[in-house]
N, C-alpha and C. Protein backbone atom coordinates (compact mmCIF):
# COMPACT_ATOMS: atom_id res chain seq x y z
N UNK A 1 140.24 86.00 205.69
CA UNK A 1 140.40 85.53 204.39
C UNK A 1 141.81 85.71 203.90
N UNK A 2 142.62 85.44 204.79
CA UNK A 2 144.01 85.61 204.45
C UNK A 2 144.51 84.55 203.50
N UNK A 3 143.88 83.44 203.41
CA UNK A 3 144.41 82.39 202.57
C UNK A 3 144.20 82.68 201.08
N UNK A 4 143.38 83.55 200.81
CA UNK A 4 143.06 83.81 199.40
C UNK A 4 143.90 84.95 198.88
N UNK A 5 144.44 84.78 197.68
CA UNK A 5 145.21 85.88 197.12
C UNK A 5 144.41 86.47 195.96
N UNK A 6 144.42 87.65 195.99
CA UNK A 6 143.67 88.31 194.93
C UNK A 6 144.62 88.95 193.94
N UNK A 7 144.27 88.73 192.68
CA UNK A 7 145.02 89.41 191.63
C UNK A 7 144.04 90.27 190.86
N UNK A 8 144.41 91.40 190.80
CA UNK A 8 143.52 92.28 190.03
C UNK A 8 143.97 92.29 188.56
N UNK A 9 142.99 92.06 187.73
CA UNK A 9 143.30 92.15 186.31
C UNK A 9 142.63 93.40 185.77
N UNK A 10 143.30 94.00 184.90
CA UNK A 10 142.76 95.23 184.33
C UNK A 10 141.74 94.88 183.26
N UNK A 11 140.68 95.67 183.31
CA UNK A 11 139.66 95.46 182.28
C UNK A 11 140.24 95.92 180.93
N UNK A 12 139.82 95.28 179.90
CA UNK A 12 140.25 95.66 178.56
C UNK A 12 141.54 95.01 178.18
N UNK A 13 142.04 94.21 178.93
CA UNK A 13 143.22 93.46 178.57
C UNK A 13 144.46 94.29 178.66
N UNK A 14 145.37 94.00 177.79
CA UNK A 14 146.68 94.62 177.81
C UNK A 14 146.56 96.05 177.31
N UNK A 15 147.20 96.97 177.99
CA UNK A 15 147.10 98.38 177.63
C UNK A 15 147.82 98.67 176.32
N UNK A 16 148.79 97.89 175.91
CA UNK A 16 149.53 98.08 174.67
C UNK A 16 148.70 97.68 173.45
N UNK A 17 147.83 96.74 173.56
CA UNK A 17 147.04 96.27 172.42
C UNK A 17 145.92 97.24 172.08
N UNK A 18 145.47 98.03 173.01
CA UNK A 18 144.36 98.96 172.76
C UNK A 18 144.78 100.04 171.75
N UNK A 19 145.88 100.69 171.91
CA UNK A 19 146.23 101.72 170.93
C UNK A 19 146.44 101.13 169.53
N UNK A 20 146.93 99.95 169.43
CA UNK A 20 147.11 99.33 168.11
C UNK A 20 145.76 99.11 167.44
N UNK A 21 144.79 98.63 168.19
CA UNK A 21 143.46 98.40 167.65
C UNK A 21 142.82 99.72 167.24
N UNK A 22 143.03 100.75 168.05
CA UNK A 22 142.49 102.07 167.72
C UNK A 22 143.12 102.60 166.43
N UNK A 23 144.38 102.40 166.32
CA UNK A 23 145.08 102.84 165.09
C UNK A 23 144.54 102.09 163.86
N UNK A 24 144.35 100.80 164.03
CA UNK A 24 143.82 100.00 162.92
C UNK A 24 142.42 100.47 162.53
N UNK A 25 141.59 100.72 163.57
CA UNK A 25 140.25 101.20 163.31
C UNK A 25 140.27 102.56 162.63
N UNK A 26 141.13 103.39 163.11
CA UNK A 26 141.25 104.73 162.52
C UNK A 26 141.69 104.64 161.06
N UNK A 27 142.65 103.80 160.80
CA UNK A 27 143.12 103.61 159.42
C UNK A 27 142.01 103.04 158.53
N UNK A 28 141.26 102.08 159.06
CA UNK A 28 140.15 101.49 158.31
C UNK A 28 139.11 102.56 157.99
N UNK A 29 138.80 103.38 158.99
CA UNK A 29 137.83 104.45 158.77
C UNK A 29 138.33 105.44 157.72
N UNK A 30 139.62 105.75 157.79
CA UNK A 30 140.19 106.67 156.80
C UNK A 30 140.08 106.08 155.38
N UNK A 31 140.38 104.80 155.25
CA UNK A 31 140.30 104.17 153.92
C UNK A 31 138.85 104.12 153.44
N UNK A 32 137.93 103.84 154.40
CA UNK A 32 136.51 103.81 154.03
C UNK A 32 136.07 105.20 153.60
N UNK A 33 136.54 106.22 154.35
CA UNK A 33 136.19 107.60 154.04
C UNK A 33 136.72 107.98 152.66
N UNK A 34 137.97 107.58 152.37
CA UNK A 34 138.54 107.90 151.05
C UNK A 34 137.77 107.17 149.95
N UNK A 35 137.38 105.90 150.24
CA UNK A 35 136.57 105.16 149.26
C UNK A 35 135.22 105.85 149.04
N UNK A 36 134.60 106.30 150.15
CA UNK A 36 133.31 106.99 150.04
C UNK A 36 133.49 108.29 149.25
N UNK A 37 134.58 109.05 149.55
CA UNK A 37 134.84 110.30 148.83
C UNK A 37 135.03 110.02 147.33
N UNK A 38 135.79 108.95 147.05
CA UNK A 38 136.03 108.58 145.65
C UNK A 38 134.72 108.20 144.98
N UNK A 39 133.88 107.42 145.71
CA UNK A 39 132.59 107.01 145.16
C UNK A 39 131.70 108.22 144.94
N UNK A 40 131.74 109.18 145.86
CA UNK A 40 130.94 110.40 145.72
C UNK A 40 131.40 111.21 144.51
N UNK A 41 132.71 111.27 144.29
CA UNK A 41 133.24 111.99 143.13
C UNK A 41 132.78 111.33 141.83
N UNK A 42 132.86 109.97 141.82
CA UNK A 42 132.40 109.24 140.63
C UNK A 42 130.91 109.47 140.40
N UNK A 43 130.14 109.42 141.50
CA UNK A 43 128.71 109.64 141.40
C UNK A 43 128.41 111.04 140.88
N UNK A 44 129.17 112.01 141.37
CA UNK A 44 128.98 113.39 140.95
C UNK A 44 129.30 113.53 139.45
N UNK A 45 130.41 112.91 139.02
CA UNK A 45 130.78 113.01 137.60
C UNK A 45 129.78 112.27 136.72
N UNK A 46 129.28 111.11 137.24
CA UNK A 46 128.25 110.41 136.49
C UNK A 46 126.98 111.25 136.40
N UNK A 47 126.65 111.90 137.49
CA UNK A 47 125.47 112.78 137.50
C UNK A 47 125.63 113.90 136.49
N UNK A 48 126.85 114.47 136.42
CA UNK A 48 127.10 115.52 135.45
C UNK A 48 127.00 114.97 134.03
N UNK A 49 127.56 113.76 133.83
CA UNK A 49 127.48 113.13 132.50
C UNK A 49 126.02 112.87 132.11
N UNK A 50 125.26 112.35 133.08
CA UNK A 50 123.85 112.08 132.83
C UNK A 50 123.12 113.37 132.50
N UNK A 51 123.44 114.41 133.28
CA UNK A 51 122.79 115.70 133.05
C UNK A 51 123.16 116.23 131.66
N UNK A 52 124.45 116.12 131.30
CA UNK A 52 124.87 116.62 129.98
C UNK A 52 124.24 115.78 128.87
N UNK A 53 124.12 114.46 129.11
CA UNK A 53 123.47 113.60 128.11
C UNK A 53 121.99 113.95 127.99
N UNK A 54 121.35 114.24 129.11
CA UNK A 54 119.96 114.64 129.07
C UNK A 54 119.81 115.95 128.31
N UNK A 55 120.75 116.87 128.53
CA UNK A 55 120.72 118.14 127.79
C UNK A 55 120.92 117.88 126.30
N UNK A 56 121.83 116.96 125.97
CA UNK A 56 122.05 116.61 124.56
C UNK A 56 120.78 115.99 123.96
N UNK A 57 120.14 115.11 124.76
CA UNK A 57 118.90 114.50 124.28
C UNK A 57 117.84 115.57 124.04
N UNK A 58 117.75 116.52 124.96
CA UNK A 58 116.77 117.60 124.79
C UNK A 58 117.08 118.40 123.53
N UNK A 59 118.38 118.66 123.29
CA UNK A 59 118.76 119.39 122.09
C UNK A 59 118.41 118.58 120.84
N UNK A 60 118.69 117.28 120.90
CA UNK A 60 118.37 116.42 119.75
C UNK A 60 116.87 116.39 119.52
N UNK A 61 116.10 116.28 120.61
CA UNK A 61 114.65 116.28 120.47
C UNK A 61 114.15 117.59 119.89
N UNK A 62 114.74 118.71 120.34
CA UNK A 62 114.37 120.00 119.78
C UNK A 62 114.71 120.05 118.29
N UNK A 63 115.87 119.52 117.93
CA UNK A 63 116.25 119.48 116.52
C UNK A 63 115.29 118.61 115.73
N UNK A 64 114.90 117.46 116.32
CA UNK A 64 113.94 116.58 115.65
C UNK A 64 112.62 117.31 115.43
N UNK A 65 112.18 118.03 116.45
CA UNK A 65 110.94 118.78 116.32
C UNK A 65 111.06 119.81 115.21
N UNK A 66 112.22 120.48 115.14
CA UNK A 66 112.43 121.46 114.07
C UNK A 66 112.43 120.75 112.72
N UNK A 67 113.07 119.59 112.65
CA UNK A 67 113.11 118.83 111.40
C UNK A 67 111.71 118.37 111.03
N UNK A 68 110.94 117.91 112.03
CA UNK A 68 109.58 117.47 111.75
C UNK A 68 108.73 118.62 111.23
N UNK A 69 109.00 119.83 111.73
CA UNK A 69 108.28 120.98 111.22
C UNK A 69 108.69 121.25 109.78
N UNK A 70 109.94 120.98 109.45
CA UNK A 70 110.44 121.20 108.09
C UNK A 70 110.03 120.05 107.18
N UNK A 71 109.87 118.84 107.72
CA UNK A 71 109.58 117.64 106.93
C UNK A 71 108.33 117.75 106.09
N UNK A 72 107.23 118.36 106.55
CA UNK A 72 106.09 118.45 105.65
C UNK A 72 106.44 119.11 104.31
N UNK A 73 107.33 120.11 104.34
CA UNK A 73 107.78 120.72 103.10
C UNK A 73 108.53 119.69 102.27
N UNK A 74 109.40 118.92 102.94
CA UNK A 74 110.16 117.89 102.24
C UNK A 74 109.22 116.85 101.67
N UNK A 75 108.21 116.48 102.43
CA UNK A 75 107.26 115.49 101.94
C UNK A 75 106.52 116.02 100.72
N UNK A 76 106.17 117.30 100.74
CA UNK A 76 105.51 117.84 99.56
C UNK A 76 106.45 117.84 98.38
N UNK A 77 107.75 118.07 98.63
CA UNK A 77 108.72 118.00 97.55
C UNK A 77 108.80 116.57 97.03
N UNK A 78 108.77 115.59 97.95
CA UNK A 78 108.79 114.20 97.54
C UNK A 78 107.53 113.86 96.74
N UNK A 79 106.38 114.39 97.19
CA UNK A 79 105.15 114.17 96.46
C UNK A 79 105.24 114.78 95.07
N UNK A 80 105.88 115.96 95.01
CA UNK A 80 106.06 116.59 93.70
C UNK A 80 106.95 115.72 92.82
N UNK A 81 108.00 115.14 93.43
CA UNK A 81 108.87 114.24 92.66
C UNK A 81 108.08 113.04 92.17
N UNK A 82 107.19 112.50 93.05
CA UNK A 82 106.36 111.38 92.64
C UNK A 82 105.42 111.81 91.53
N UNK A 83 104.87 113.05 91.65
CA UNK A 83 104.01 113.55 90.60
C UNK A 83 104.79 113.69 89.31
N UNK A 84 106.06 114.14 89.43
CA UNK A 84 106.90 114.26 88.25
C UNK A 84 107.13 112.90 87.62
N UNK A 85 107.37 111.87 88.46
CA UNK A 85 107.56 110.53 87.90
C UNK A 85 106.25 110.03 87.29
N UNK A 86 105.12 110.41 87.89
CA UNK A 86 103.83 110.04 87.31
C UNK A 86 103.67 110.73 85.96
N UNK A 87 104.08 112.00 85.89
CA UNK A 87 103.96 112.70 84.62
C UNK A 87 104.91 112.11 83.58
N UNK A 88 106.03 111.53 84.04
CA UNK A 88 106.92 110.86 83.11
C UNK A 88 106.28 109.59 82.59
N UNK A 89 105.43 108.97 83.40
CA UNK A 89 104.75 107.76 82.96
C UNK A 89 103.60 108.10 82.01
N UNK A 90 103.06 109.30 82.12
CA UNK A 90 101.95 109.69 81.27
C UNK A 90 102.30 109.66 79.79
N UNK A 91 103.52 110.03 79.37
CA UNK A 91 103.81 109.92 77.95
C UNK A 91 103.61 108.51 77.42
N UNK A 92 103.85 107.50 78.24
CA UNK A 92 103.59 106.13 77.80
C UNK A 92 102.10 105.96 77.50
N UNK A 93 101.26 106.54 78.35
CA UNK A 93 99.83 106.47 78.11
C UNK A 93 99.47 107.25 76.85
N UNK A 94 100.16 108.37 76.64
CA UNK A 94 99.91 109.18 75.46
C UNK A 94 100.29 108.39 74.21
N UNK A 95 101.38 107.62 74.30
CA UNK A 95 101.80 106.80 73.18
C UNK A 95 100.68 105.81 72.83
N UNK A 96 100.03 105.26 73.83
CA UNK A 96 98.94 104.33 73.58
C UNK A 96 97.75 105.04 72.95
N UNK A 97 97.62 106.35 73.22
CA UNK A 97 96.48 107.10 72.73
C UNK A 97 96.75 107.77 71.38
N UNK A 98 97.90 107.51 70.77
CA UNK A 98 98.20 108.08 69.47
C UNK A 98 97.20 107.54 68.46
N UNK A 99 96.72 108.42 67.63
CA UNK A 99 95.74 108.01 66.62
C UNK A 99 96.34 106.95 65.72
N UNK A 100 95.50 106.12 65.20
CA UNK A 100 95.95 105.02 64.34
C UNK A 100 96.71 105.56 63.13
N UNK A 101 96.24 106.66 62.56
CA UNK A 101 96.90 107.21 61.37
C UNK A 101 98.33 107.67 61.65
N UNK A 102 98.62 108.04 62.89
CA UNK A 102 99.95 108.54 63.23
C UNK A 102 100.91 107.45 63.71
N UNK A 103 100.43 106.24 63.86
CA UNK A 103 101.28 105.15 64.34
C UNK A 103 102.20 104.67 63.22
N UNK A 104 103.47 104.38 63.57
CA UNK A 104 104.41 103.90 62.54
C UNK A 104 104.11 102.45 62.15
N UNK A 105 104.41 102.14 60.91
CA UNK A 105 104.19 100.78 60.42
C UNK A 105 105.32 100.44 59.46
N UNK A 106 105.72 99.20 59.50
CA UNK A 106 106.77 98.73 58.60
C UNK A 106 106.36 97.38 58.03
N UNK A 107 106.06 97.42 56.74
CA UNK A 107 105.70 96.20 56.02
C UNK A 107 106.75 96.05 54.93
N UNK A 108 106.98 94.84 54.51
CA UNK A 108 108.01 94.59 53.51
C UNK A 108 107.85 95.55 52.32
N UNK A 109 108.80 96.47 52.19
CA UNK A 109 108.76 97.43 51.09
C UNK A 109 108.13 98.75 51.46
N UNK A 110 107.55 98.88 52.66
CA UNK A 110 106.95 100.14 53.09
C UNK A 110 107.35 100.46 54.51
N UNK A 111 107.84 101.69 54.74
CA UNK A 111 108.16 102.20 56.07
C UNK A 111 107.56 103.59 56.18
N UNK A 112 106.67 103.78 57.15
CA UNK A 112 106.05 105.08 57.35
C UNK A 112 104.92 104.97 58.35
N UNK A 113 103.98 105.90 58.27
CA UNK A 113 102.83 105.87 59.17
C UNK A 113 101.66 105.18 58.46
N UNK A 114 100.65 104.86 59.25
CA UNK A 114 99.45 104.21 58.70
C UNK A 114 98.78 105.15 57.70
N UNK A 115 98.76 106.44 58.00
CA UNK A 115 98.15 107.42 57.08
C UNK A 115 98.88 107.42 55.74
N UNK A 116 100.21 107.39 55.77
CA UNK A 116 100.99 107.36 54.53
C UNK A 116 100.69 106.08 53.75
N UNK A 117 100.54 104.98 54.45
CA UNK A 117 100.21 103.71 53.80
C UNK A 117 98.85 103.81 53.10
N UNK A 118 97.85 104.33 53.82
CA UNK A 118 96.51 104.45 53.24
C UNK A 118 96.52 105.42 52.05
N UNK A 119 97.27 106.51 52.17
CA UNK A 119 97.35 107.47 51.06
C UNK A 119 97.95 106.82 49.82
N UNK A 120 99.00 106.03 50.02
CA UNK A 120 99.63 105.34 48.90
C UNK A 120 98.63 104.37 48.25
N UNK A 121 97.87 103.69 49.09
CA UNK A 121 96.88 102.74 48.56
C UNK A 121 95.75 103.48 47.83
N UNK A 122 95.32 104.64 48.35
CA UNK A 122 94.27 105.42 47.69
C UNK A 122 94.73 105.93 46.33
N UNK A 123 95.97 106.42 46.27
CA UNK A 123 96.51 106.90 44.98
C UNK A 123 96.51 105.78 43.95
N UNK A 124 96.98 104.61 44.39
CA UNK A 124 97.06 103.47 43.46
C UNK A 124 95.66 103.03 43.04
N UNK A 125 94.70 103.03 43.98
CA UNK A 125 93.32 102.64 43.64
C UNK A 125 92.74 103.63 42.64
N UNK A 126 92.99 104.92 42.84
CA UNK A 126 92.49 105.94 41.90
C UNK A 126 93.12 105.76 40.52
N UNK A 127 94.41 105.47 40.51
CA UNK A 127 95.12 105.26 39.25
C UNK A 127 94.57 104.04 38.52
N UNK A 128 94.37 102.96 39.27
CA UNK A 128 93.90 101.73 38.64
C UNK A 128 92.44 101.82 38.20
N UNK A 129 91.64 102.59 38.91
CA UNK A 129 90.21 102.67 38.57
C UNK A 129 89.97 103.40 37.25
N UNK A 130 90.97 104.12 36.73
CA UNK A 130 90.84 104.81 35.45
C UNK A 130 90.79 103.81 34.30
N UNK A 131 91.37 102.66 34.49
CA UNK A 131 91.40 101.63 33.45
C UNK A 131 90.47 100.48 33.87
N UNK A 132 89.51 100.19 33.04
CA UNK A 132 88.54 99.13 33.36
C UNK A 132 89.23 97.79 33.56
N UNK A 133 90.34 97.65 32.93
CA UNK A 133 91.07 96.39 33.01
C UNK A 133 91.52 96.07 34.44
N UNK A 134 91.79 97.12 35.25
CA UNK A 134 92.29 96.95 36.61
C UNK A 134 91.25 97.27 37.69
N UNK A 135 89.98 97.26 37.29
CA UNK A 135 88.91 97.59 38.22
C UNK A 135 88.89 96.63 39.42
N UNK A 136 89.10 95.35 39.18
CA UNK A 136 89.10 94.37 40.27
C UNK A 136 90.22 94.67 41.28
N UNK A 137 91.38 95.01 40.77
CA UNK A 137 92.53 95.34 41.65
C UNK A 137 92.22 96.60 42.45
N UNK A 138 91.64 97.61 41.79
CA UNK A 138 91.28 98.86 42.47
C UNK A 138 90.24 98.60 43.55
N UNK A 139 89.27 97.75 43.24
CA UNK A 139 88.24 97.41 44.23
C UNK A 139 88.83 96.66 45.42
N UNK A 140 89.80 95.79 45.15
CA UNK A 140 90.47 95.04 46.22
C UNK A 140 91.22 96.00 47.16
N UNK A 141 91.89 96.98 46.57
CA UNK A 141 92.64 97.97 47.39
C UNK A 141 91.67 98.81 48.19
N UNK A 142 90.58 99.24 47.58
CA UNK A 142 89.58 100.06 48.28
C UNK A 142 88.96 99.26 49.43
N UNK A 143 88.69 97.98 49.22
CA UNK A 143 88.13 97.12 50.27
C UNK A 143 89.12 96.97 51.42
N UNK A 144 90.39 96.87 51.07
CA UNK A 144 91.42 96.76 52.13
C UNK A 144 91.48 98.04 52.95
N UNK A 145 91.42 99.19 52.30
CA UNK A 145 91.42 100.48 53.02
C UNK A 145 90.20 100.56 53.94
N UNK A 146 89.03 100.15 53.42
CA UNK A 146 87.80 100.17 54.24
C UNK A 146 87.94 99.24 55.45
N UNK A 147 88.55 98.08 55.25
CA UNK A 147 88.75 97.12 56.35
C UNK A 147 89.70 97.70 57.40
N UNK A 148 90.73 98.40 56.95
CA UNK A 148 91.66 99.05 57.89
C UNK A 148 90.91 100.07 58.72
N UNK A 149 90.09 100.90 58.06
CA UNK A 149 89.35 101.95 58.77
C UNK A 149 88.34 101.36 59.75
N UNK A 150 87.73 100.24 59.39
CA UNK A 150 86.67 99.66 60.23
C UNK A 150 87.18 98.78 61.35
N UNK A 151 88.20 97.97 61.08
CA UNK A 151 88.59 96.93 62.03
C UNK A 151 89.91 97.17 62.76
N UNK A 152 90.80 97.93 62.19
CA UNK A 152 92.14 98.06 62.78
C UNK A 152 92.13 99.05 63.94
N UNK A 153 92.79 98.65 65.04
CA UNK A 153 92.94 99.53 66.21
C UNK A 153 94.40 99.91 66.42
N UNK A 154 95.31 99.06 65.97
CA UNK A 154 96.74 99.33 66.13
C UNK A 154 97.44 99.11 64.79
N UNK A 155 98.69 99.52 64.74
CA UNK A 155 99.47 99.34 63.51
C UNK A 155 99.68 97.86 63.22
N UNK A 156 99.70 97.05 64.27
CA UNK A 156 99.85 95.60 64.09
C UNK A 156 98.63 95.03 63.37
N UNK A 157 97.44 95.52 63.72
CA UNK A 157 96.21 95.10 63.04
C UNK A 157 96.27 95.47 61.56
N UNK A 158 96.74 96.69 61.28
CA UNK A 158 96.85 97.16 59.90
C UNK A 158 97.80 96.26 59.13
N UNK A 159 98.92 95.92 59.77
CA UNK A 159 99.92 95.06 59.12
C UNK A 159 99.31 93.70 58.78
N UNK A 160 98.54 93.14 59.69
CA UNK A 160 97.90 91.84 59.43
C UNK A 160 96.89 91.94 58.28
N UNK A 161 96.13 93.02 58.23
CA UNK A 161 95.14 93.19 57.16
C UNK A 161 95.84 93.32 55.80
N UNK A 162 96.90 94.14 55.76
CA UNK A 162 97.60 94.38 54.49
C UNK A 162 98.31 93.11 54.03
N UNK A 163 98.97 92.38 54.96
CA UNK A 163 99.65 91.15 54.55
C UNK A 163 98.64 90.05 54.20
N UNK A 164 97.43 90.17 54.73
CA UNK A 164 96.38 89.20 54.40
C UNK A 164 95.93 89.33 52.95
N UNK A 165 96.02 90.53 52.40
CA UNK A 165 95.68 90.76 51.00
C UNK A 165 96.96 90.55 50.19
N UNK A 166 97.12 89.36 49.65
CA UNK A 166 98.39 88.97 49.00
C UNK A 166 98.66 89.72 47.70
N UNK A 167 97.67 90.38 47.13
CA UNK A 167 97.89 91.08 45.87
C UNK A 167 98.56 92.44 46.06
N UNK A 168 98.75 92.87 47.32
CA UNK A 168 99.37 94.17 47.58
C UNK A 168 100.87 93.99 47.80
N UNK A 169 101.66 94.64 46.95
CA UNK A 169 103.11 94.63 47.12
C UNK A 169 103.62 96.06 47.05
N UNK A 170 104.62 96.34 47.89
CA UNK A 170 105.16 97.69 47.96
C UNK A 170 106.61 97.69 47.52
N UNK A 171 107.01 98.81 46.94
CA UNK A 171 108.41 99.00 46.59
C UNK A 171 108.69 100.49 46.77
N UNK A 172 109.69 100.81 47.59
CA UNK A 172 110.04 102.21 47.88
C UNK A 172 108.84 103.02 48.37
N UNK A 173 108.09 102.43 49.28
CA UNK A 173 106.90 103.04 49.90
C UNK A 173 105.76 103.28 48.92
N UNK A 174 105.81 102.71 47.75
CA UNK A 174 104.73 102.84 46.77
C UNK A 174 104.11 101.48 46.52
N UNK A 175 102.79 101.50 46.39
CA UNK A 175 102.06 100.27 46.07
C UNK A 175 102.29 99.93 44.61
N UNK A 176 102.67 98.73 44.35
CA UNK A 176 102.98 98.30 42.99
C UNK A 176 101.78 97.60 42.38
N UNK A 177 101.79 97.52 41.05
CA UNK A 177 100.75 96.78 40.33
C UNK A 177 100.01 97.68 39.36
N UNK A 178 99.36 97.03 38.40
CA UNK A 178 98.53 97.76 37.44
C UNK A 178 99.31 98.39 36.31
N UNK A 179 100.54 97.98 36.11
CA UNK A 179 101.31 98.54 35.01
C UNK A 179 100.76 98.00 33.70
N UNK A 180 100.80 98.86 32.74
CA UNK A 180 100.38 98.41 31.42
C UNK A 180 101.52 97.63 30.80
N UNK A 181 101.20 96.46 30.37
CA UNK A 181 102.21 95.66 29.70
C UNK A 181 101.89 95.65 28.21
N UNK A 182 102.88 95.92 27.43
CA UNK A 182 102.70 95.96 25.99
C UNK A 182 103.17 94.63 25.44
N UNK A 183 102.30 93.98 24.73
CA UNK A 183 102.66 92.66 24.20
C UNK A 183 103.64 92.82 23.03
N UNK A 184 104.32 91.76 22.73
CA UNK A 184 105.30 91.78 21.65
C UNK A 184 104.65 92.07 20.31
N UNK A 185 103.41 91.65 20.13
CA UNK A 185 102.71 91.89 18.87
C UNK A 185 102.53 93.38 18.65
N UNK A 186 102.15 94.09 19.71
CA UNK A 186 101.94 95.53 19.59
C UNK A 186 103.26 96.24 19.32
N UNK A 187 104.34 95.76 19.94
CA UNK A 187 105.65 96.36 19.71
C UNK A 187 106.05 96.19 18.25
N UNK A 188 105.82 95.00 17.74
CA UNK A 188 106.17 94.72 16.34
C UNK A 188 105.34 95.58 15.41
N UNK A 189 104.06 95.75 15.73
CA UNK A 189 103.19 96.55 14.90
C UNK A 189 103.66 98.00 14.87
N UNK A 190 104.08 98.51 16.01
CA UNK A 190 104.56 99.89 16.07
C UNK A 190 105.84 100.04 15.25
N UNK A 191 106.71 99.07 15.36
CA UNK A 191 107.99 99.13 14.62
C UNK A 191 107.74 99.11 13.12
N UNK A 192 106.82 98.25 12.76
CA UNK A 192 106.56 98.12 11.33
C UNK A 192 105.93 99.40 10.78
N UNK A 193 105.12 100.10 11.57
CA UNK A 193 104.52 101.36 11.14
C UNK A 193 105.59 102.43 10.97
N UNK A 194 106.53 102.44 11.92
CA UNK A 194 107.58 103.44 11.87
C UNK A 194 108.47 103.24 10.65
N UNK A 195 108.70 102.01 10.25
CA UNK A 195 109.59 101.72 9.13
C UNK A 195 108.95 102.15 7.81
N UNK A 196 107.65 102.05 7.66
CA UNK A 196 107.00 102.35 6.39
C UNK A 196 106.87 103.77 6.18
C-alpha cells in the first residue's frame, strides 16, 4: 500500500483554539457565577425585607388587636355622646310638653303667658260683672275663658279664640272696656250744683 499517503490529523482540531475556547467558557462561567451570586444577594435582601415587613405586619396586627380591645370603651363613649345628643333633643320634647298656661302668647296689645292673659280677662270680667250695665260684656269674657280652657291646646289656639271675639281689646297687657262714660248732661248737672 505504498501508493497511499496517510496524513494524520489530530482530534479536536487546532491545539491553539482549544485554550481560547476554555478561557471563554471559564469567563462565561465566572460571569454566570457572579450573576448567580448577585441574584442570591438580592434574593437574600428581599427575603430580609419580606421578613421585616411580615414582622411589621405582625406588630400592626397586634396593635390593631390592642386597639380593638380598647375600642369597646371608645364605642361606649360614642354611645354616651349619642345619649348626650339625645338628651339635648329631649328639651325640644319638653318644650312641646309645656303646660298651656306657661306658653308665651303675643296678641295685639298683650305680651305674656296664657295664664297672664286669662288672669287679665278674669279680673276684667269680675270688674264688669259688678255693674249690671256690663253684664253682657262680662259674660262674653267668661265664655271666652271657658272656650280657651276647653278647646285650646296651644298658644296659637288661644290666639285664634281671643281674636275671634272681636269685643276684646288689650292695651299695656290689660283688657280694655267697660269704662263708665259720663254724659255731658250729667257733667252740666254737677257743675250747676257746685255753682249754687
